[in-house]
Every structure is written in C-alpha cells, then in structure tokens.
Amino acid sequence: MDRPGAVSVVRRLLHRRDVRRVELAYAGFISAEFGTWVAILVYAYERGGATGAALAALAQLLPASVAAPLLSGLVDRRGGATVLRLGYLCQAAGFAAVATLILISAPPALVYATAIVTACAVTMTRPAQAALIPSLVRDADELTAINTLSGWSEAISDLAGTALAGALIAIEGPGVAIAWFGLVLIVSAALVATVNPGEPYVTEPEEVSDLRGGLIALREDRGLAGVVAVLGAEYLVIGVLDVLLVVLAIGVLEMGESGAGYLSAAFGAGGILGSVAALSLIGRRRLASPLIAAAVGWAALMVALGAWPTVGGAFLLLAIAGAARTVVEVAGRTMLLRGAPAEVRGRVFGLLEGVSMLGLALGSLLVLGMVALAGAGMALVATGGLLSLVTLATAARVHRADRSAPVNLPSAAPAAVVVP
C-alpha cells in the first residue's frame, strides 16, 4: 500500500467516534505515565542521588511486573473497555495520593509505597487496550493503522508529558507535576466512559482464572515469544535511559533537574518522526524486517550516544532513537495482535506488560553497577550491545511469527461466549 493509501486508512479510522475517544484517552495516559515517572525519579534523585533514583524505579517496577499478568486475567473476563475505564480511574486516584503526600512533605517511604501501588494500576492499560482494539477495526490494514495511531499518540504525548513535567518540576516541584497528571487521567476515564465495551472472549470460568493461558499461548507459538523477547529487551533499554538521563542531565551535562525532562522530551520528539515512518507499515503482510532493522538501529544509536555524551549529541541521537523505538513498538504490537488467540489476548499482552516492567526494572538496576564500574557512557554502549544481541538471536523466531500470523485476524475473531 502506498503512503496516500495508508493515510486514507488512518482517516477512515479517525471518522469513528470510539476510535477517537480511545486514542485521545490513551494520549492522556501516556503523558501522565511518562511525565509522572520523570517527576518521581527527580523526587528520588533529590533525596538519594543516582542510587536513590534507581532504587525508587526498581521498587515500583518489580511489583508491577508481577501485577501485570495477574490483572490481565480480568481483561479477558470483563472486556477491554471496562478494564480500561477502571484502570484510568485507579491511576488518577493513585497519582492524586502521591502528589498530596509530596506536597505535605510526608515521609519518603510513604510516598514510595503509594507510588508502588499506583505503578501496579498503570499496568492495566495496555492489555485492556489491546483486547479492545480488534473490536474497533474491520481488516488487517486497519489493525496496523490503529497501532500506528497509538504510536502517534504515544510519541506526541511522551513529548508533551515529559516536557510539561520538566517545566512544572522547575517551577513548582514534582508534587504539582504529579497532581496535574492525575487530573489528565480523569479526563481519559471520561473519554472511554461511553465506548462500546463489546463482549469478552470467555469460555469456561476456570480457564479465565488460569493465568497460565498467556504462557501456554507463547509456548505453543515460539514466534510470538520471540516478538515478546524483542519488545522486552526494548524496555530494558528504556529502563536504563529512565535513570541514566537523570544522571546525564544533572551529573554529566550539567543541565539541572529539569534537564532530565527535556532529554526525555527529545526521545519523544523522535517518536513523532517514527510514527510518520510507521505509515509505511500499513498494508504490509510482513513486519519482521522493519521490526528487526529498527531495533538494531536503535541499539547502534545508544552506542553512539555513549561515545558522544554532549548536550547537542544527546538531543540528536535520542531523537533518532525515539523514531526507531516507535517503529519497533508499532510493528511488534501489530504482530502480537495478529497472532495472539482472541480468548487469551489480554493475558498475552499482560505478560508483555509484565516482561516490559521487568525489563525496566532490570535496566534501572543495571545502571547502578554499570555507572559505578565504567561511567554513563559505557553503560549506554553496553545497553545498546545487549539490545542488538537479543534482536539478532530472536530474528528467526520473529520471522516465523510474521509468516504464520493470520492477516485477517480482526474479522476472523471467534464470537464471544459470556459466562454467567
């Protein structure tokens, strides 16, 4: 499909009210997720330096990696739209609580404990959205197109959220920034309040409660497991960047506390360019090659950033890396939506969310040792090498998933059976 054809598919989707509402709500979620994350890390850095920021990240991510697959069983039982609304409301309440505790100068331990609970609630969104998306599209081209739309939402909102977080932190501090994003999530919940929930893909009650469903699906389809591995490695890189950008901005590049937000915003700005490039994926039967090329390219950029730790170099390389990351996300998640069985789709994406959170946690943990042993530059070089290694090692499996995935999955999804 040529680019004009791809644009026409996107326009067709945007004419649908539910698609617009879901994507706008997701944009609000992304801005809140990334903006609040920057604010929490800055809060932790102010109290414990790089070690404090890394430990705060780890304390939130490890419980979230366990909560994600557990909560995703609820998605398959109750349906994507219902869990999406619930997730946004829980997140809004959690951010409001964290902001209040910071503003009243509560003990940091209480702030972190509340942030941990909130981080678990954040893991509900992506599996719920993945379960909902097939009900909003009519064919394979629209499936890729709506993931491209989500890529746009993620890139633009990542940029807006982190830039706004940087500005609010500089003016009023982390507490006010987090409070603002709590309000944004209330709007997201309102936007999806009237979205048609559809029907969950449920067979037997005991099957729904069996959280091994997602694991079994990945064990039976090693190609999908390869896609999950690449996406998980991608989040390990992001975990390194989450902490390392704070270290680079404050400790190496001397940009001040708000610099972490601005560097993260550069990454998000590149994602906007990547989302435009992702238009070329619409209409393609095969997505493995773009996925692998983007992941390896991103790895090379991390190596280059480690060798060129300057303000100008950081902004440029992070922008290009953000573009590559968006292509990885759109291609990888589209492949999972094509291949994951409808009755366990929520749990497959719940496992992906859990692997992603674990990748973020491992990245945050690795930063401590790598920076202490070799400095920030070598930490980036090592991280880029790891992403490249995982991608190349799983390339054959990713291509297998590409060949076996049913291109007409949305229209071929089985009818749901509702359990009383």
Protein backbone atom coordinates (compact mmCIF):
# COMPACT_ATOMS: atom_id res chain seq x y z
CA MET A 1 0.00 0.00 0.00
CA ASP A 2 1.37 3.42 -0.89
CA ARG A 3 1.51 6.30 1.54
CA PRO A 4 -1.69 8.03 0.25
CA GLY A 5 -3.49 4.71 0.70
CA ALA A 6 -2.13 4.39 4.21
CA VAL A 7 -3.28 7.90 5.08
CA SER A 8 -6.76 7.11 3.78
CA VAL A 9 -6.99 4.11 6.13
CA VAL A 10 -5.99 6.32 9.08
CA ARG A 11 -8.56 8.92 8.09
CA ARG A 12 -11.23 6.25 7.87
CA LEU A 13 -10.43 5.18 11.41
CA LEU A 14 -10.49 8.74 12.73
CA HIS A 15 -14.04 9.17 11.46
CA ARG A 16 -15.17 6.63 14.06
CA ARG A 17 -16.15 8.16 17.38
CA ASP A 18 -14.97 5.28 19.56
CA VAL A 19 -11.56 5.23 17.89
CA ARG A 20 -11.11 8.96 18.50
CA ARG A 21 -12.11 8.64 22.15
CA VAL A 22 -9.88 5.62 22.82
CA GLU A 23 -6.85 7.25 21.19
CA LEU A 24 -7.34 10.60 22.95
CA ALA A 25 -7.69 8.79 26.29
CA TYR A 26 -4.54 6.81 25.53
CA ALA A 27 -2.69 10.02 24.72
CA GLY A 28 -3.65 11.37 28.14
CA PHE A 29 -2.48 8.14 29.76
CA ILE A 30 0.91 8.24 28.03
CA SER A 31 1.54 11.87 29.01
CA ALA A 32 0.67 11.01 32.60
CA GLU A 33 2.71 7.81 32.68
CA PHE A 34 5.92 9.34 31.35
CA GLY A 35 5.53 12.75 32.97
CA THR A 36 4.86 11.26 36.39
CA TRP A 37 7.72 8.83 36.00
CA VAL A 38 10.15 11.70 35.42
CA ALA A 39 8.74 13.54 38.43
CA ILE A 40 9.12 10.51 40.73
CA LEU A 41 12.68 9.91 39.60
CA VAL A 42 13.62 13.55 40.17
CA TYR A 43 11.98 13.40 43.61
CA ALA A 44 14.06 10.31 44.42
CA TYR A 45 17.25 11.78 42.95
CA GLU A 46 16.89 14.86 45.17
CA ARG A 47 16.90 12.60 48.22
CA GLY A 48 19.33 9.86 47.26
CA GLY A 49 21.21 10.75 44.10
CA ALA A 50 21.52 8.24 41.24
CA THR A 51 21.26 5.32 43.66
CA GLY A 52 18.05 6.71 45.15
CA ALA A 53 16.50 7.22 41.70
CA ALA A 54 17.42 3.71 40.57
CA LEU A 55 16.10 2.10 43.76
CA ALA A 56 12.85 4.08 43.56
CA ALA A 57 12.39 2.88 39.98
CA LEU A 58 13.15 -0.70 40.96
CA ALA A 59 10.76 -0.61 43.92
CA GLN A 60 7.89 0.34 41.61
CA LEU A 61 8.73 -1.85 38.63
CA LEU A 62 9.25 -5.24 40.28
CA PRO A 63 5.77 -5.37 41.88
CA ALA A 64 4.29 -4.01 38.63
CA SER A 65 5.94 -6.82 36.64
CA VAL A 66 4.11 -9.34 38.85
CA ALA A 67 0.81 -7.43 38.91
CA ALA A 68 0.56 -7.07 35.11
CA PRO A 69 -0.07 -10.74 34.21
CA LEU A 70 -2.33 -11.18 37.23
CA LEU A 71 -4.52 -8.19 36.39
CA SER A 72 -4.66 -9.13 32.70
CA GLY A 73 -6.91 -12.10 33.53
CA LEU A 74 -9.53 -9.50 34.40
CA VAL A 75 -9.25 -8.10 30.87
CA ASP A 76 -10.22 -11.40 29.23
CA ARG A 77 -13.09 -11.86 31.67
CA ARG A 78 -14.58 -8.35 31.76
CA GLY A 79 -13.56 -6.93 28.40
CA GLY A 80 -11.09 -4.28 27.33
CA ALA A 81 -13.28 -1.18 27.61
CA THR A 82 -14.46 -1.96 31.14
CA VAL A 83 -10.95 -2.58 32.46
CA LEU A 84 -9.65 0.45 30.57
CA ARG A 85 -12.06 2.73 32.45
CA LEU A 86 -11.26 1.09 35.76
CA GLY A 87 -7.54 1.42 35.16
CA TYR A 88 -7.68 5.13 34.37
CA LEU A 89 -9.71 5.85 37.50
CA CYS A 90 -7.37 3.82 39.73
CA GLN A 91 -4.35 5.58 38.27
CA ALA A 92 -5.91 9.02 38.76
CA ALA A 93 -6.59 8.22 42.41
CA GLY A 94 -3.07 6.90 42.89
CA PHE A 95 -1.39 9.93 41.35
CA ALA A 96 -3.55 12.23 43.44
CA ALA A 97 -2.45 10.40 46.58
CA VAL A 98 1.25 10.52 45.65
CA ALA A 99 1.04 14.23 44.83
CA THR A 100 -0.69 15.00 48.10
CA LEU A 101 1.94 13.15 50.11
CA ILE A 102 4.76 15.00 48.39
CA LEU A 103 3.10 18.39 48.82
CA ILE A 104 2.55 17.88 52.55
CA SER A 105 6.16 16.67 52.96
CA ALA A 106 5.17 13.18 54.06
CA PRO A 107 7.96 10.67 54.78
CA PRO A 108 9.57 9.46 51.53
CA ALA A 109 8.84 5.83 52.46
CA LEU A 110 5.11 6.59 52.40
CA VAL A 111 5.44 8.38 49.06
CA TYR A 112 7.25 5.41 47.53
CA ALA A 113 4.77 2.88 48.95
CA THR A 114 1.86 4.75 47.37
CA ALA A 115 3.77 5.08 44.10
CA ILE A 116 4.31 1.30 44.06
CA VAL A 117 0.57 0.62 44.27
CA THR A 118 -0.09 3.18 41.55
CA ALA A 119 2.55 1.64 39.28
CA CYS A 120 0.69 -1.68 39.52
CA ALA A 121 -2.52 0.03 38.39
CA VAL A 122 -0.69 1.53 35.40
CA THR A 123 -0.12 -1.99 34.02
CA MET A 124 -3.86 -2.41 33.36
CA THR A 125 -4.00 -0.01 30.44
CA ARG A 126 -2.04 -1.63 27.60
CA PRO A 127 -3.52 -5.15 27.95
CA ALA A 128 -7.02 -3.64 28.14
CA GLN A 129 -6.41 -1.50 25.07
CA ALA A 130 -5.00 -4.50 23.18
CA ALA A 131 -8.13 -6.51 23.96
CA LEU A 132 -10.36 -3.63 22.83
CA ILE A 133 -8.58 -2.70 19.57
CA PRO A 134 -9.77 -5.63 17.39
CA SER A 135 -13.39 -4.64 18.04
CA LEU A 136 -12.66 -1.18 16.60
CA VAL A 137 -11.22 -2.33 13.26
CA ARG A 138 -12.53 -4.23 10.23
CA ASP A 139 -9.47 -5.65 8.49
CA ALA A 140 -5.72 -6.19 8.77
CA ASP A 141 -4.83 -2.80 7.29
CA GLU A 142 -6.93 -1.05 9.91
CA LEU A 143 -5.29 -3.16 12.61
CA THR A 144 -1.86 -1.85 11.60
CA ALA A 145 -3.25 1.65 11.15
CA ILE A 146 -4.76 1.84 14.63
CA ASN A 147 -1.44 0.71 16.10
CA THR A 148 0.19 3.47 14.07
CA LEU A 149 -2.31 5.90 15.56
CA SER A 150 -1.38 4.65 19.01
CA GLY A 151 2.27 5.19 18.07
CA TRP A 152 1.46 8.80 17.21
CA SER A 153 -0.40 9.19 20.49
CA GLU A 154 2.50 7.70 22.40
CA ALA A 155 5.17 9.79 20.68
CA ILE A 156 3.35 13.12 20.88
CA SER A 157 2.16 12.54 24.43
CA ASP A 158 5.56 11.32 25.60
CA LEU A 159 6.99 14.58 24.30
CA ALA A 160 4.23 16.71 25.79
CA GLY A 161 4.17 14.88 29.11
CA THR A 162 7.90 14.87 29.77
CA ALA A 163 8.36 18.46 28.59
CA LEU A 164 5.48 19.59 30.80
CA ALA A 165 6.90 17.58 33.68
CA GLY A 166 10.24 19.32 33.25
CA ALA A 167 8.59 22.74 33.25
CA LEU A 168 6.34 22.01 36.26
CA ILE A 169 9.21 20.50 38.24
CA ALA A 170 11.35 23.55 37.56
CA ILE A 171 8.57 25.94 38.63
CA GLU A 172 6.62 24.13 41.37
CA GLY A 173 8.34 20.80 42.04
CA PRO A 174 7.47 17.11 41.46
CA GLY A 175 4.29 17.16 43.59
CA VAL A 176 2.47 19.69 41.42
CA ALA A 177 3.54 17.85 38.26
CA ILE A 178 2.08 14.57 39.52
CA ALA A 179 -1.15 16.26 40.62
CA TRP A 180 -1.62 17.69 37.14
CA PHE A 181 -1.27 14.28 35.52
CA GLY A 182 -3.83 12.83 37.92
CA LEU A 183 -6.34 15.30 36.51
CA VAL A 184 -5.40 14.27 32.97
CA LEU A 185 -6.29 10.66 33.76
CA ILE A 186 -9.73 11.67 35.00
CA VAL A 187 -10.32 13.11 31.53
CA SER A 188 -9.10 9.84 29.98
CA ALA A 189 -11.60 7.87 32.06
CA ALA A 190 -14.39 10.20 30.95
CA LEU A 191 -13.45 9.80 27.28
CA VAL A 192 -13.81 6.00 27.33
CA ALA A 193 -16.91 6.02 29.54
CA THR A 194 -19.24 5.61 26.55
CA VAL A 195 -17.07 3.37 24.36
CA ASN A 196 -18.89 0.19 23.38
CA PRO A 197 -17.43 -2.48 25.69
CA GLY A 198 -18.17 -5.35 23.32
CA GLU A 199 -18.07 -8.86 24.78
CA PRO A 200 -15.11 -10.54 26.45
CA TYR A 201 -13.69 -13.69 24.87
CA VAL A 202 -14.51 -16.21 27.60
CA THR A 203 -15.07 -19.94 27.51
CA GLU A 204 -15.03 -21.53 30.96
CA PRO A 205 -14.68 -19.73 34.32
CA GLU A 206 -11.75 -21.89 35.42
CA GLU A 207 -9.96 -21.09 32.17
CA VAL A 208 -10.30 -17.38 32.79
CA SER A 209 -8.77 -17.64 36.23
CA ASP A 210 -5.89 -19.75 34.88
CA LEU A 211 -3.18 -17.16 34.32
CA ARG A 212 -1.10 -19.74 32.50
CA GLY A 213 -3.21 -19.08 29.40
CA GLY A 214 -0.86 -16.43 28.09
CA LEU A 215 2.23 -18.52 28.85
CA ILE A 216 0.74 -21.50 27.05
CA ALA A 217 -0.01 -19.36 24.01
CA LEU A 218 3.60 -18.17 23.85
CA ARG A 219 4.96 -21.66 24.44
CA GLU A 220 2.88 -23.00 21.56
CA ASP A 221 3.89 -20.16 19.25
CA ARG A 222 7.62 -19.56 19.59
CA GLY A 223 7.39 -16.80 17.00
CA LEU A 224 5.18 -14.70 19.27
CA ALA A 225 7.57 -15.46 22.13
CA GLY A 226 10.39 -14.02 20.01
CA VAL A 227 8.41 -10.81 19.45
CA VAL A 228 7.80 -10.52 23.19
CA ALA A 229 11.54 -11.01 23.83
CA VAL A 230 12.47 -8.14 21.49
CA LEU A 231 9.86 -5.82 22.99
CA GLY A 232 11.02 -6.79 26.49
CA ALA A 233 14.64 -6.00 25.60
CA GLU A 234 13.45 -2.66 24.26
CA TYR A 235 12.04 -1.82 27.67
CA LEU A 236 15.31 -2.79 29.34
CA VAL A 237 16.92 -0.05 27.24
CA ILE A 238 14.21 2.38 28.32
CA GLY A 239 14.80 1.36 31.95
CA VAL A 240 18.45 2.28 31.58
CA LEU A 241 17.55 5.58 29.94
CA ASP A 242 14.96 6.49 32.58
CA VAL A 243 17.66 6.63 35.25
CA LEU A 244 20.65 7.41 33.09
CA LEU A 245 19.05 10.51 31.55
CA VAL A 246 18.67 11.91 35.06
CA VAL A 247 22.36 11.17 35.70
CA LEU A 248 23.40 12.62 32.33
CA ALA A 249 21.29 15.76 32.69
CA ILE A 250 22.30 16.60 36.25
CA GLY A 251 25.66 14.92 36.81
CA VAL A 252 27.34 14.89 33.37
CA LEU A 253 25.81 17.52 31.09
CA GLU A 254 25.04 19.96 33.96
CA MET A 255 21.57 20.79 32.62
CA GLY A 256 19.92 20.93 36.06
CA GLU A 257 17.00 18.97 37.45
CA SER A 258 14.61 19.85 34.63
CA GLY A 259 17.16 18.63 32.06
CA ALA A 260 16.01 15.03 32.51
CA GLY A 261 12.56 16.03 31.32
CA TYR A 262 13.95 17.85 28.30
CA LEU A 263 16.17 14.93 27.27
CA SER A 264 13.21 12.57 27.61
CA ALA A 265 11.20 15.01 25.51
CA ALA A 266 13.83 14.74 22.75
CA PHE A 267 13.28 10.99 22.76
CA GLY A 268 9.54 11.61 22.46
CA ALA A 269 10.02 14.13 19.65
CA GLY A 270 11.88 11.50 17.66
CA GLY A 271 8.96 9.19 18.24
CA ILE A 272 6.77 11.60 16.27
CA LEU A 273 9.06 11.17 13.26
CA GLY A 274 8.96 7.42 13.78
CA SER A 275 5.18 7.41 13.83
CA VAL A 276 5.18 9.07 10.42
CA ALA A 277 7.60 6.43 9.15
CA ALA A 278 5.29 3.76 10.59
CA LEU A 279 2.72 4.72 7.94
CA SER A 280 4.78 2.61 5.56
CA LEU A 281 3.85 -0.48 7.63
CA ILE A 282 0.15 -0.18 6.74
CA GLY A 283 -0.72 -2.70 4.05
CA ARG A 284 2.42 -4.82 4.59
CA ARG A 285 1.95 -8.53 5.13
CA ARG A 286 5.41 -8.85 6.65
CA LEU A 287 6.55 -6.72 9.59
CA ALA A 288 9.53 -8.69 10.91
CA SER A 289 12.18 -6.96 8.78
CA PRO A 290 11.18 -3.39 9.82
CA LEU A 291 10.99 -4.52 13.45
CA ILE A 292 14.47 -6.06 13.43
CA ALA A 293 16.06 -3.20 11.47
CA ALA A 294 14.60 -0.57 13.82
CA ALA A 295 15.70 -2.45 16.94
CA VAL A 296 19.28 -2.92 15.70
CA GLY A 297 19.40 0.71 14.57
CA TRP A 298 18.24 1.87 17.99
CA ALA A 299 20.97 -0.24 19.60
CA ALA A 300 23.61 1.41 17.40
CA LEU A 301 22.35 4.85 18.39
CA MET A 302 22.74 4.01 22.09
CA VAL A 303 26.33 3.03 21.44
CA ALA A 304 26.90 6.32 19.62
CA LEU A 305 25.33 8.29 22.49
CA GLY A 306 27.67 6.58 24.94
CA ALA A 307 30.63 7.65 22.82
CA TRP A 308 29.31 11.23 22.33
CA PRO A 309 27.96 12.50 25.69
CA THR A 310 27.42 16.14 24.74
CA VAL A 311 24.25 18.23 25.03
CA GLY A 312 23.84 18.56 21.26
CA GLY A 313 24.74 14.92 20.61
CA ALA A 314 22.33 13.72 23.29
CA PHE A 315 19.39 15.63 21.82
CA LEU A 316 20.14 14.48 18.26
CA LEU A 317 20.78 10.82 18.98
CA LEU A 318 17.88 10.50 21.41
CA ALA A 319 15.54 11.96 18.79
CA ILE A 320 16.62 9.41 16.17
CA ALA A 321 16.45 6.61 18.75
CA GLY A 322 12.90 7.67 19.61
CA ALA A 323 11.94 7.31 15.95
CA ALA A 324 13.36 3.79 15.81
CA ARG A 325 11.61 2.86 19.04
CA THR A 326 8.21 3.83 17.64
CA VAL A 327 8.68 1.59 14.60
CA VAL A 328 9.62 -1.29 16.92
CA GLU A 329 6.50 -0.73 19.02
CA VAL A 330 4.06 -0.44 16.12
CA ALA A 331 5.45 -3.44 14.23
CA GLY A 332 5.83 -5.64 17.30
CA ARG A 333 2.43 -4.96 18.85
CA THR A 334 0.70 -5.37 15.49
CA MET A 335 2.35 -8.77 15.08
CA LEU A 336 1.14 -9.80 18.54
CA LEU A 337 -2.40 -8.63 17.80
CA ARG A 338 -2.39 -10.63 14.55
CA GLY A 339 -1.13 -13.81 16.14
CA ALA A 340 -2.43 -13.91 19.73
CA PRO A 341 -5.56 -16.07 20.20
CA ALA A 342 -8.54 -13.84 20.92
CA GLU A 343 -9.55 -15.69 24.09
CA VAL A 344 -6.18 -15.03 25.75
CA ARG A 345 -5.23 -11.77 24.05
CA GLY A 346 -5.48 -9.76 27.27
CA ARG A 347 -3.25 -12.24 29.09
CA VAL A 348 -0.66 -12.33 26.29
CA PHE A 349 -0.41 -8.55 26.45
CA GLY A 350 -0.44 -8.77 30.24
CA LEU A 351 2.63 -10.98 30.03
CA LEU A 352 4.20 -8.49 27.64
CA GLU A 353 3.44 -5.73 30.12
CA GLY A 354 4.99 -7.80 32.90
CA VAL A 355 8.10 -8.51 30.81
CA SER A 356 8.27 -4.81 29.94
CA MET A 357 8.09 -3.77 33.59
CA LEU A 358 10.74 -6.38 34.43
CA GLY A 359 12.90 -5.02 31.62
CA LEU A 360 12.51 -1.51 33.02
CA ALA A 361 13.42 -2.82 36.47
CA LEU A 362 16.50 -4.69 35.26
CA GLY A 363 17.58 -1.64 33.29
CA SER A 364 17.26 0.55 36.37
CA LEU A 365 19.21 -2.00 38.41
CA LEU A 366 21.95 -2.45 35.82
CA VAL A 367 22.53 1.31 35.72
CA LEU A 368 23.86 1.24 39.27
CA GLY A 369 26.58 -1.26 38.55
CA MET A 370 27.44 -0.04 35.06
CA VAL A 371 27.77 3.62 36.04
CA ALA A 372 29.80 2.74 39.12
CA LEU A 373 32.15 0.47 37.17
CA ALA A 374 32.54 2.23 33.83
CA GLY A 375 30.61 5.51 33.79
CA ALA A 376 27.49 6.68 31.99
CA GLY A 377 28.98 6.42 28.51
CA MET A 378 29.95 2.77 28.77
CA ALA A 379 26.58 1.99 30.35
CA LEU A 380 24.91 3.18 27.14
CA VAL A 381 27.35 1.21 24.97
CA ALA A 382 26.70 -2.00 26.91
CA THR A 383 22.93 -1.50 26.78
CA GLY A 384 22.95 -0.96 23.03
CA GLY A 385 25.01 -4.11 22.58
CA LEU A 386 22.54 -6.14 24.64
CA LEU A 387 19.53 -4.93 22.62
CA SER A 388 21.32 -5.83 19.38
CA LEU A 389 22.23 -9.28 20.71
CA VAL A 390 18.68 -10.14 21.78
CA THR A 391 17.22 -8.89 18.50
CA LEU A 392 19.60 -10.88 16.30
CA ALA A 393 19.25 -14.00 18.47
CA THR A 394 15.45 -14.00 18.10
CA ALA A 395 15.31 -12.84 14.47
CA ALA A 396 14.44 -16.29 13.10
CA ARG A 397 11.53 -16.66 15.54
CA VAL A 398 10.25 -13.18 14.76
CA HIS A 399 10.23 -14.03 11.04
CA ARG A 400 8.35 -17.23 11.88
CA ALA A 401 5.65 -15.23 13.65
CA ASP A 402 5.44 -12.97 10.63
CA ARG A 403 4.85 -15.89 8.27
CA SER A 404 2.29 -17.70 10.44
CA ALA A 405 0.16 -14.80 11.76
CA PRO A 406 -3.36 -14.60 10.20
CA VAL A 407 -3.55 -11.29 8.37
CA ASN A 408 -7.34 -11.16 8.64
CA LEU A 409 -7.45 -11.71 12.42
CA PRO A 410 -9.89 -8.90 13.37
CA SER A 411 -12.63 -10.09 11.03
CA ALA A 412 -11.92 -13.72 11.86
CA ALA A 413 -12.12 -13.44 15.62
CA PRO A 414 -14.49 -16.00 17.15
CA ALA A 415 -17.73 -14.99 18.75
CA ALA A 416 -17.54 -14.44 22.49
CA VAL A 417 -19.23 -16.71 24.98
CA VAL A 418 -20.28 -14.86 28.10
CA VAL A 419 -20.01 -16.73 31.37
CA PRO A 420 -22.90 -16.07 33.71
